[in-house]
N, C-alpha and C. Protein backbone atom coordinates (compact mmCIF):
# COMPACT_ATOMS: atom_id res chain seq x y z
N MET A 1 49.26 144.92 61.25
CA MET A 1 50.40 145.46 61.94
C MET A 1 50.40 147.00 61.90
N ASN A 2 50.02 147.55 60.73
CA ASN A 2 49.95 149.01 60.62
C ASN A 2 48.95 149.59 61.61
N LEU A 3 47.82 148.91 61.80
CA LEU A 3 46.81 149.37 62.73
C LEU A 3 47.35 149.43 64.15
N LEU A 4 48.11 148.41 64.55
CA LEU A 4 48.70 148.38 65.88
C LEU A 4 49.68 149.53 66.07
N LYS A 5 50.51 149.79 65.08
CA LYS A 5 51.46 150.91 65.15
C LYS A 5 50.72 152.24 65.28
N THR A 6 49.66 152.39 64.51
CA THR A 6 48.88 153.63 64.54
C THR A 6 48.24 153.84 65.90
N LEU A 7 47.63 152.80 66.45
CA LEU A 7 47.00 152.91 67.77
C LEU A 7 48.02 153.22 68.85
N THR A 8 49.18 152.59 68.79
CA THR A 8 50.23 152.85 69.77
C THR A 8 50.68 154.31 69.69
N ALA A 9 50.90 154.79 68.48
CA ALA A 9 51.33 156.18 68.31
C ALA A 9 50.27 157.14 68.82
N ALA A 10 49.00 156.85 68.54
CA ALA A 10 47.93 157.73 69.00
C ALA A 10 47.88 157.80 70.52
N LEU A 11 48.07 156.67 71.17
CA LEU A 11 48.08 156.67 72.63
C LEU A 11 49.28 157.42 73.17
N MET A 12 50.44 157.24 72.56
CA MET A 12 51.67 157.89 73.03
C MET A 12 51.59 159.41 72.90
N PHE A 13 50.97 159.88 71.86
CA PHE A 13 50.94 161.31 71.62
C PHE A 13 49.58 161.92 71.97
N GLY A 14 48.85 161.28 72.82
CA GLY A 14 47.59 161.84 73.29
C GLY A 14 46.57 162.07 72.20
N GLY A 15 46.61 161.25 71.18
CA GLY A 15 45.64 161.38 70.10
C GLY A 15 46.07 162.31 69.00
N SER A 16 47.12 163.09 69.19
CA SER A 16 47.50 164.04 68.15
C SER A 16 48.11 163.37 66.94
N ALA A 17 48.54 162.13 67.06
CA ALA A 17 49.09 161.42 65.91
C ALA A 17 48.03 161.16 64.86
N ALA A 18 46.78 161.24 65.24
CA ALA A 18 45.70 161.00 64.28
C ALA A 18 45.70 162.03 63.17
N ALA A 19 46.30 163.18 63.39
CA ALA A 19 46.35 164.21 62.36
C ALA A 19 47.25 163.80 61.22
N LEU A 20 48.13 162.91 61.46
CA LEU A 20 49.06 162.48 60.43
C LEU A 20 48.48 161.30 59.69
N ALA A 21 48.96 161.07 58.51
CA ALA A 21 48.48 159.93 57.74
C ALA A 21 48.72 158.66 58.54
N ALA A 22 47.76 157.77 58.52
CA ALA A 22 47.78 156.60 59.40
C ALA A 22 48.95 155.68 59.13
N ASP A 23 49.43 155.62 57.92
CA ASP A 23 50.48 154.66 57.64
C ASP A 23 51.82 155.30 57.28
N THR A 24 52.00 156.59 57.52
CA THR A 24 53.27 157.25 57.23
C THR A 24 53.67 158.15 58.37
N ASP A 25 54.86 158.68 58.28
CA ASP A 25 55.34 159.65 59.27
C ASP A 25 55.27 161.06 58.70
N THR A 26 54.26 161.33 57.92
CA THR A 26 54.10 162.61 57.24
C THR A 26 53.92 163.74 58.25
N GLU A 27 54.63 164.83 58.00
CA GLU A 27 54.43 166.07 58.75
C GLU A 27 53.85 167.07 57.78
N PHE A 28 52.84 167.79 58.22
CA PHE A 28 52.25 168.82 57.40
C PHE A 28 52.80 170.17 57.83
N HIS A 29 53.09 171.02 56.84
CA HIS A 29 53.58 172.38 57.07
C HIS A 29 52.66 173.31 56.28
N LEU A 30 52.29 174.43 56.86
CA LEU A 30 51.39 175.36 56.17
C LEU A 30 51.93 175.80 54.82
N ASN A 31 53.25 175.99 54.72
CA ASN A 31 53.81 176.48 53.46
C ASN A 31 53.81 175.41 52.36
N GLU A 32 53.42 174.19 52.68
CA GLU A 32 53.32 173.12 51.68
C GLU A 32 51.90 172.58 51.54
N LEU A 33 51.03 172.92 52.46
CA LEU A 33 49.71 172.32 52.56
C LEU A 33 48.86 172.53 51.31
N LEU A 34 48.87 173.72 50.74
CA LEU A 34 48.02 174.01 49.59
C LEU A 34 48.42 173.19 48.37
N LYS A 35 49.68 172.79 48.32
CA LYS A 35 50.17 171.99 47.19
C LYS A 35 49.85 170.51 47.36
N THR A 36 49.54 170.08 48.59
CA THR A 36 49.36 168.66 48.85
C THR A 36 47.93 168.18 48.65
N ASP A 37 46.96 169.06 48.73
CA ASP A 37 45.57 168.62 48.69
C ASP A 37 44.69 169.75 48.15
N PRO A 38 44.00 169.51 47.04
CA PRO A 38 43.15 170.55 46.46
C PRO A 38 42.05 171.04 47.41
N GLN A 39 41.60 170.18 48.33
CA GLN A 39 40.56 170.62 49.28
C GLN A 39 41.07 171.71 50.20
N TYR A 40 42.32 171.58 50.67
CA TYR A 40 42.90 172.64 51.50
C TYR A 40 43.00 173.94 50.69
N GLN A 41 43.44 173.82 49.44
CA GLN A 41 43.58 175.00 48.60
C GLN A 41 42.24 175.69 48.39
N GLU A 42 41.20 174.92 48.11
CA GLU A 42 39.87 175.50 47.90
C GLU A 42 39.35 176.17 49.17
N THR A 43 39.52 175.51 50.30
CA THR A 43 39.06 176.08 51.57
C THR A 43 39.80 177.37 51.89
N TRP A 44 41.12 177.38 51.65
CA TRP A 44 41.91 178.58 51.92
C TRP A 44 41.49 179.73 51.00
N GLN A 45 41.30 179.43 49.72
CA GLN A 45 40.89 180.47 48.78
C GLN A 45 39.52 181.04 49.16
N ASP A 46 38.62 180.19 49.62
CA ASP A 46 37.32 180.68 50.08
C ASP A 46 37.47 181.64 51.26
N LEU A 47 38.43 181.36 52.13
CA LEU A 47 38.65 182.21 53.30
C LEU A 47 39.23 183.57 52.92
N VAL A 48 40.22 183.60 52.04
CA VAL A 48 40.95 184.84 51.78
C VAL A 48 40.40 185.65 50.60
N GLU A 49 39.53 185.08 49.79
CA GLU A 49 39.10 185.78 48.57
C GLU A 49 38.41 187.11 48.84
N ASP A 50 37.70 187.23 49.94
CA ASP A 50 36.99 188.48 50.23
C ASP A 50 37.76 189.41 51.17
N GLN A 51 38.94 189.02 51.56
CA GLN A 51 39.75 189.84 52.45
C GLN A 51 40.46 190.93 51.63
N GLU A 52 40.53 192.10 52.20
CA GLU A 52 41.21 193.20 51.51
C GLU A 52 42.61 193.40 52.06
N ARG A 53 43.52 193.68 51.17
CA ARG A 53 44.88 194.09 51.51
C ARG A 53 45.69 193.05 52.29
N LEU A 54 45.50 191.80 52.00
CA LEU A 54 46.36 190.79 52.63
C LEU A 54 47.63 190.66 51.80
N PRO A 55 48.76 190.52 52.47
CA PRO A 55 50.01 190.35 51.72
C PRO A 55 50.01 189.05 50.91
N GLU A 56 50.79 189.05 49.87
CA GLU A 56 50.90 187.89 48.98
C GLU A 56 51.31 186.63 49.73
N TRP A 57 52.22 186.75 50.70
CA TRP A 57 52.68 185.57 51.42
C TRP A 57 51.53 184.89 52.18
N ILE A 58 50.54 185.68 52.62
CA ILE A 58 49.39 185.10 53.30
C ILE A 58 48.45 184.47 52.27
N MET A 59 48.21 185.16 51.20
CA MET A 59 47.31 184.63 50.17
C MET A 59 47.76 183.24 49.70
N ASN A 60 49.07 183.06 49.60
CA ASN A 60 49.62 181.79 49.09
C ASN A 60 50.21 180.90 50.18
N LEU A 61 50.11 181.32 51.45
CA LEU A 61 50.76 180.61 52.56
C LEU A 61 52.21 180.30 52.22
N ASP A 62 52.92 181.35 51.84
CA ASP A 62 54.31 181.22 51.42
C ASP A 62 55.21 181.88 52.46
N GLY A 63 55.92 181.07 53.23
CA GLY A 63 56.80 181.60 54.25
C GLY A 63 57.47 180.46 54.99
N VAL A 64 57.87 180.72 56.21
CA VAL A 64 58.54 179.74 57.05
C VAL A 64 57.50 179.12 57.99
N ALA A 65 57.46 177.78 58.02
CA ALA A 65 56.42 177.12 58.82
C ALA A 65 56.95 175.86 59.50
N PRO A 66 56.77 175.77 60.82
CA PRO A 66 57.11 174.52 61.53
C PRO A 66 56.00 173.49 61.28
N PRO A 67 56.19 172.26 61.71
CA PRO A 67 55.15 171.24 61.54
C PRO A 67 53.84 171.64 62.22
N MET A 68 52.75 171.23 61.60
CA MET A 68 51.41 171.51 62.13
C MET A 68 51.08 170.49 63.21
N LYS A 69 50.02 170.78 63.98
CA LYS A 69 49.59 169.92 65.08
C LYS A 69 48.11 169.61 64.92
N ALA A 70 47.72 168.47 65.44
CA ALA A 70 46.30 168.13 65.53
C ALA A 70 45.83 168.58 66.91
N LEU A 71 44.80 169.41 66.94
CA LEU A 71 44.25 169.89 68.20
C LEU A 71 42.74 169.72 68.20
N GLU A 72 42.19 169.61 69.39
CA GLU A 72 40.73 169.52 69.53
C GLU A 72 40.21 170.76 70.22
N GLU A 73 39.05 171.18 69.76
CA GLU A 73 38.36 172.30 70.38
C GLU A 73 36.88 171.94 70.43
N ASP A 74 36.36 171.83 71.62
CA ASP A 74 34.95 171.53 71.84
C ASP A 74 34.51 170.27 71.08
N GLY A 75 35.37 169.25 71.10
CA GLY A 75 35.06 167.97 70.46
C GLY A 75 35.34 167.90 68.97
N ASP A 76 35.71 169.02 68.36
CA ASP A 76 36.04 169.04 66.94
C ASP A 76 37.55 169.03 66.76
N LYS A 77 38.02 168.32 65.73
CA LYS A 77 39.46 168.24 65.46
C LYS A 77 39.87 169.28 64.42
N PHE A 78 41.07 169.81 64.60
CA PHE A 78 41.62 170.81 63.69
C PHE A 78 43.09 170.49 63.41
N LEU A 79 43.53 170.82 62.22
CA LEU A 79 44.94 170.80 61.88
C LEU A 79 45.41 172.25 61.99
N VAL A 80 46.30 172.50 62.94
CA VAL A 80 46.68 173.87 63.31
C VAL A 80 48.16 174.10 63.05
N GLY A 81 48.47 175.25 62.49
CA GLY A 81 49.87 175.58 62.23
C GLY A 81 50.09 177.07 62.19
N GLU A 82 51.36 177.40 62.08
CA GLU A 82 51.73 178.81 61.98
C GLU A 82 52.69 178.98 60.81
N ILE A 83 52.73 180.19 60.33
CA ILE A 83 53.63 180.54 59.23
C ILE A 83 54.00 182.01 59.42
N CYS A 84 55.19 182.36 58.98
CA CYS A 84 55.59 183.76 59.07
C CYS A 84 56.23 184.18 57.75
N GLU A 85 56.22 185.47 57.53
CA GLU A 85 56.85 186.01 56.33
C GLU A 85 58.35 185.72 56.40
N ALA A 86 58.89 185.15 55.35
CA ALA A 86 60.28 184.67 55.37
C ALA A 86 61.28 185.76 55.75
N GLN A 87 61.11 186.97 55.27
CA GLN A 87 62.07 188.04 55.54
C GLN A 87 61.78 188.80 56.83
N ASN A 88 60.66 188.49 57.47
CA ASN A 88 60.26 189.29 58.62
C ASN A 88 59.45 188.44 59.60
N CYS A 89 60.04 187.34 60.02
CA CYS A 89 59.32 186.35 60.82
C CYS A 89 58.81 186.91 62.16
N PHE A 90 59.54 187.76 62.79
CA PHE A 90 59.12 188.26 64.10
C PHE A 90 57.92 189.18 63.98
N ASN A 91 57.88 190.00 62.93
CA ASN A 91 56.86 191.04 62.82
C ASN A 91 55.60 190.64 62.05
N GLN A 92 55.67 189.58 61.27
CA GLN A 92 54.56 189.19 60.42
C GLN A 92 54.31 187.69 60.56
N ARG A 93 53.23 187.30 61.21
CA ARG A 93 52.94 185.88 61.38
C ARG A 93 51.46 185.60 61.30
N LEU A 94 51.17 184.35 61.02
CA LEU A 94 49.80 183.91 60.81
C LEU A 94 49.62 182.56 61.48
N TYR A 95 48.52 182.40 62.21
CA TYR A 95 48.17 181.14 62.86
C TYR A 95 46.88 180.66 62.20
N VAL A 96 46.87 179.40 61.75
CA VAL A 96 45.77 178.89 60.95
C VAL A 96 45.24 177.58 61.53
N ALA A 97 43.93 177.41 61.48
CA ALA A 97 43.28 176.15 61.87
C ALA A 97 42.37 175.70 60.73
N PHE A 98 42.63 174.50 60.23
CA PHE A 98 41.77 173.86 59.25
C PHE A 98 40.93 172.82 59.97
N SER A 99 39.62 172.80 59.70
CA SER A 99 38.78 171.76 60.28
C SER A 99 39.24 170.41 59.73
N TRP A 100 38.98 169.38 60.51
CA TRP A 100 39.43 168.04 60.16
C TRP A 100 38.89 167.60 58.80
N ASP A 101 37.65 168.01 58.47
CA ASP A 101 37.06 167.62 57.20
C ASP A 101 37.49 168.54 56.05
N LYS A 102 38.33 169.51 56.34
CA LYS A 102 38.91 170.45 55.36
C LYS A 102 37.88 171.42 54.79
N ASP A 103 36.72 171.52 55.41
CA ASP A 103 35.67 172.39 54.90
C ASP A 103 35.76 173.82 55.43
N SER A 104 36.48 174.02 56.53
CA SER A 104 36.55 175.35 57.15
C SER A 104 38.00 175.68 57.51
N ALA A 105 38.30 176.97 57.45
CA ALA A 105 39.60 177.45 57.89
C ALA A 105 39.41 178.77 58.60
N TYR A 106 40.25 178.99 59.60
CA TYR A 106 40.23 180.23 60.38
C TYR A 106 41.68 180.65 60.59
N ALA A 107 41.91 181.95 60.72
CA ALA A 107 43.29 182.40 60.89
C ALA A 107 43.35 183.64 61.77
N LEU A 108 44.50 183.77 62.41
CA LEU A 108 44.83 184.95 63.21
C LEU A 108 46.10 185.54 62.62
N TYR A 109 45.97 186.75 62.07
CA TYR A 109 47.10 187.46 61.46
C TYR A 109 47.62 188.45 62.50
N VAL A 110 48.90 188.30 62.85
CA VAL A 110 49.52 189.13 63.88
C VAL A 110 50.64 189.96 63.25
N GLN A 111 50.56 191.27 63.44
CA GLN A 111 51.57 192.19 62.92
C GLN A 111 52.16 193.00 64.06
N LEU A 112 53.47 193.17 64.00
CA LEU A 112 54.17 194.05 64.94
C LEU A 112 54.82 195.17 64.17
N PRO A 113 54.91 196.37 64.75
CA PRO A 113 55.57 197.47 64.06
C PRO A 113 57.05 197.15 63.85
N GLU A 114 57.59 197.69 62.76
CA GLU A 114 59.01 197.47 62.44
C GLU A 114 59.92 197.99 63.54
N ALA A 115 59.57 199.11 64.11
CA ALA A 115 60.43 199.74 65.12
C ALA A 115 59.85 199.52 66.51
N LEU A 116 59.74 198.28 66.91
CA LEU A 116 59.25 197.96 68.24
C LEU A 116 60.24 198.48 69.28
N PRO A 117 59.77 199.26 70.24
CA PRO A 117 60.68 199.78 71.27
C PRO A 117 61.40 198.64 71.99
N GLN A 118 62.70 198.80 72.14
CA GLN A 118 63.51 197.76 72.76
C GLN A 118 63.07 197.50 74.20
N GLY A 119 62.94 196.23 74.54
CA GLY A 119 62.56 195.84 75.88
C GLY A 119 61.07 195.94 76.17
N LYS A 120 60.28 196.29 75.17
CA LYS A 120 58.84 196.42 75.36
C LYS A 120 58.14 195.13 74.94
N ALA A 121 57.05 194.80 75.60
CA ALA A 121 56.29 193.58 75.32
C ALA A 121 55.65 193.66 73.94
N PRO A 122 55.96 192.70 73.07
CA PRO A 122 55.35 192.70 71.74
C PRO A 122 53.82 192.67 71.80
N SER A 123 53.27 192.00 72.78
CA SER A 123 51.81 191.88 72.87
C SER A 123 51.12 193.24 73.03
N LYS A 124 51.82 194.22 73.57
CA LYS A 124 51.24 195.55 73.77
C LYS A 124 51.17 196.36 72.47
N TYR A 125 51.97 195.96 71.47
CA TYR A 125 52.06 196.73 70.24
C TYR A 125 51.51 196.00 69.03
N ALA A 126 51.04 194.79 69.21
CA ALA A 126 50.58 193.95 68.10
C ALA A 126 49.21 194.37 67.59
N THR A 127 49.03 194.19 66.30
CA THR A 127 47.74 194.31 65.66
C THR A 127 47.31 192.90 65.29
N GLN A 128 46.09 192.55 65.66
CA GLN A 128 45.59 191.21 65.36
C GLN A 128 44.34 191.32 64.49
N GLN A 129 44.30 190.46 63.47
CA GLN A 129 43.17 190.44 62.55
C GLN A 129 42.69 189.00 62.40
N TRP A 130 41.40 188.79 62.57
CA TRP A 130 40.82 187.45 62.39
C TRP A 130 40.36 187.29 60.96
N LEU A 131 40.66 186.12 60.40
CA LEU A 131 40.18 185.75 59.07
C LEU A 131 39.17 184.63 59.26
N GLY A 132 38.04 184.74 58.61
CA GLY A 132 36.96 183.80 58.83
C GLY A 132 36.13 184.29 60.00
N GLU A 133 35.25 183.47 60.47
CA GLU A 133 34.42 183.84 61.61
C GLU A 133 34.58 182.78 62.70
N PRO A 134 35.76 182.76 63.35
CA PRO A 134 35.97 181.74 64.38
C PRO A 134 35.13 182.02 65.62
N ASP A 135 34.67 180.95 66.25
CA ASP A 135 33.97 181.13 67.52
C ASP A 135 35.01 181.37 68.62
N GLU A 136 34.54 181.63 69.82
CA GLU A 136 35.46 181.96 70.92
C GLU A 136 36.46 180.83 71.20
N GLY A 137 36.04 179.58 71.07
CA GLY A 137 36.92 178.45 71.32
C GLY A 137 38.07 178.38 70.32
N ILE A 138 37.77 178.62 69.06
CA ILE A 138 38.82 178.61 68.03
C ILE A 138 39.74 179.81 68.21
N LYS A 139 39.18 180.96 68.55
CA LYS A 139 40.01 182.14 68.82
C LYS A 139 41.00 181.84 69.95
N GLU A 140 40.49 181.24 71.01
CA GLU A 140 41.34 180.91 72.15
C GLU A 140 42.42 179.91 71.75
N MET A 141 42.07 178.92 70.95
CA MET A 141 43.02 177.91 70.50
C MET A 141 44.16 178.56 69.70
N LEU A 142 43.83 179.47 68.79
CA LEU A 142 44.87 180.12 67.98
C LEU A 142 45.68 181.10 68.82
N GLN A 143 45.05 181.80 69.74
CA GLN A 143 45.80 182.71 70.61
C GLN A 143 46.76 181.94 71.52
N GLU A 144 46.37 180.75 71.94
CA GLU A 144 47.27 179.91 72.75
C GLU A 144 48.52 179.54 71.96
N GLN A 145 48.37 179.32 70.67
CA GLN A 145 49.54 179.01 69.83
C GLN A 145 50.48 180.21 69.79
N LEU A 146 49.93 181.40 69.68
CA LEU A 146 50.73 182.62 69.70
C LEU A 146 51.46 182.77 71.04
N LYS A 147 50.77 182.51 72.13
CA LYS A 147 51.36 182.67 73.46
C LYS A 147 52.48 181.68 73.74
N LYS A 148 52.55 180.60 72.98
CA LYS A 148 53.62 179.62 73.16
C LYS A 148 54.96 180.11 72.62
N ASP A 149 54.94 181.17 71.84
CA ASP A 149 56.18 181.74 71.33
C ASP A 149 56.93 182.37 72.51
N PRO A 150 58.18 181.94 72.75
CA PRO A 150 58.93 182.47 73.90
C PRO A 150 59.22 183.97 73.81
N ASN A 151 59.13 184.54 72.59
CA ASN A 151 59.36 185.97 72.42
C ASN A 151 58.09 186.80 72.54
N TRP A 152 56.98 186.13 72.87
CA TRP A 152 55.70 186.81 72.99
C TRP A 152 55.36 186.96 74.47
N TYR A 153 55.27 188.14 74.93
CA TYR A 153 54.91 188.41 76.33
C TYR A 153 54.17 189.71 76.43
């Protein structure tokens, strides 16, 4: 019976339900992910250990995070999510993709100046930094997540 429910959910959600545990309604959030599975923690630490001057909230994925999504890029599955600094969500955000096997992680760190001119497009003033060595497909996938923000133009 569980198998039937899982297959139905996968068909209804275009396959993205596969990112969730097969027999639960678990939602993954970046700000909780490192605590749920040591493999995610190890992969994340491998990604950020050689980075210089990253804020503490990024190092620990500590902030505000909506549910993650299962996405495919060039036939590979990824668990993708976003997180932002709790006190400064608009100006400090991070988009992350973990490979399905939890062996790789990539991230896009987006910063906006504190004094963004009123009425100006945030995209014109943003600084973007890639973490890891994502290929063009992964870069595009993470940038698409950023573009889905209604305040990003």
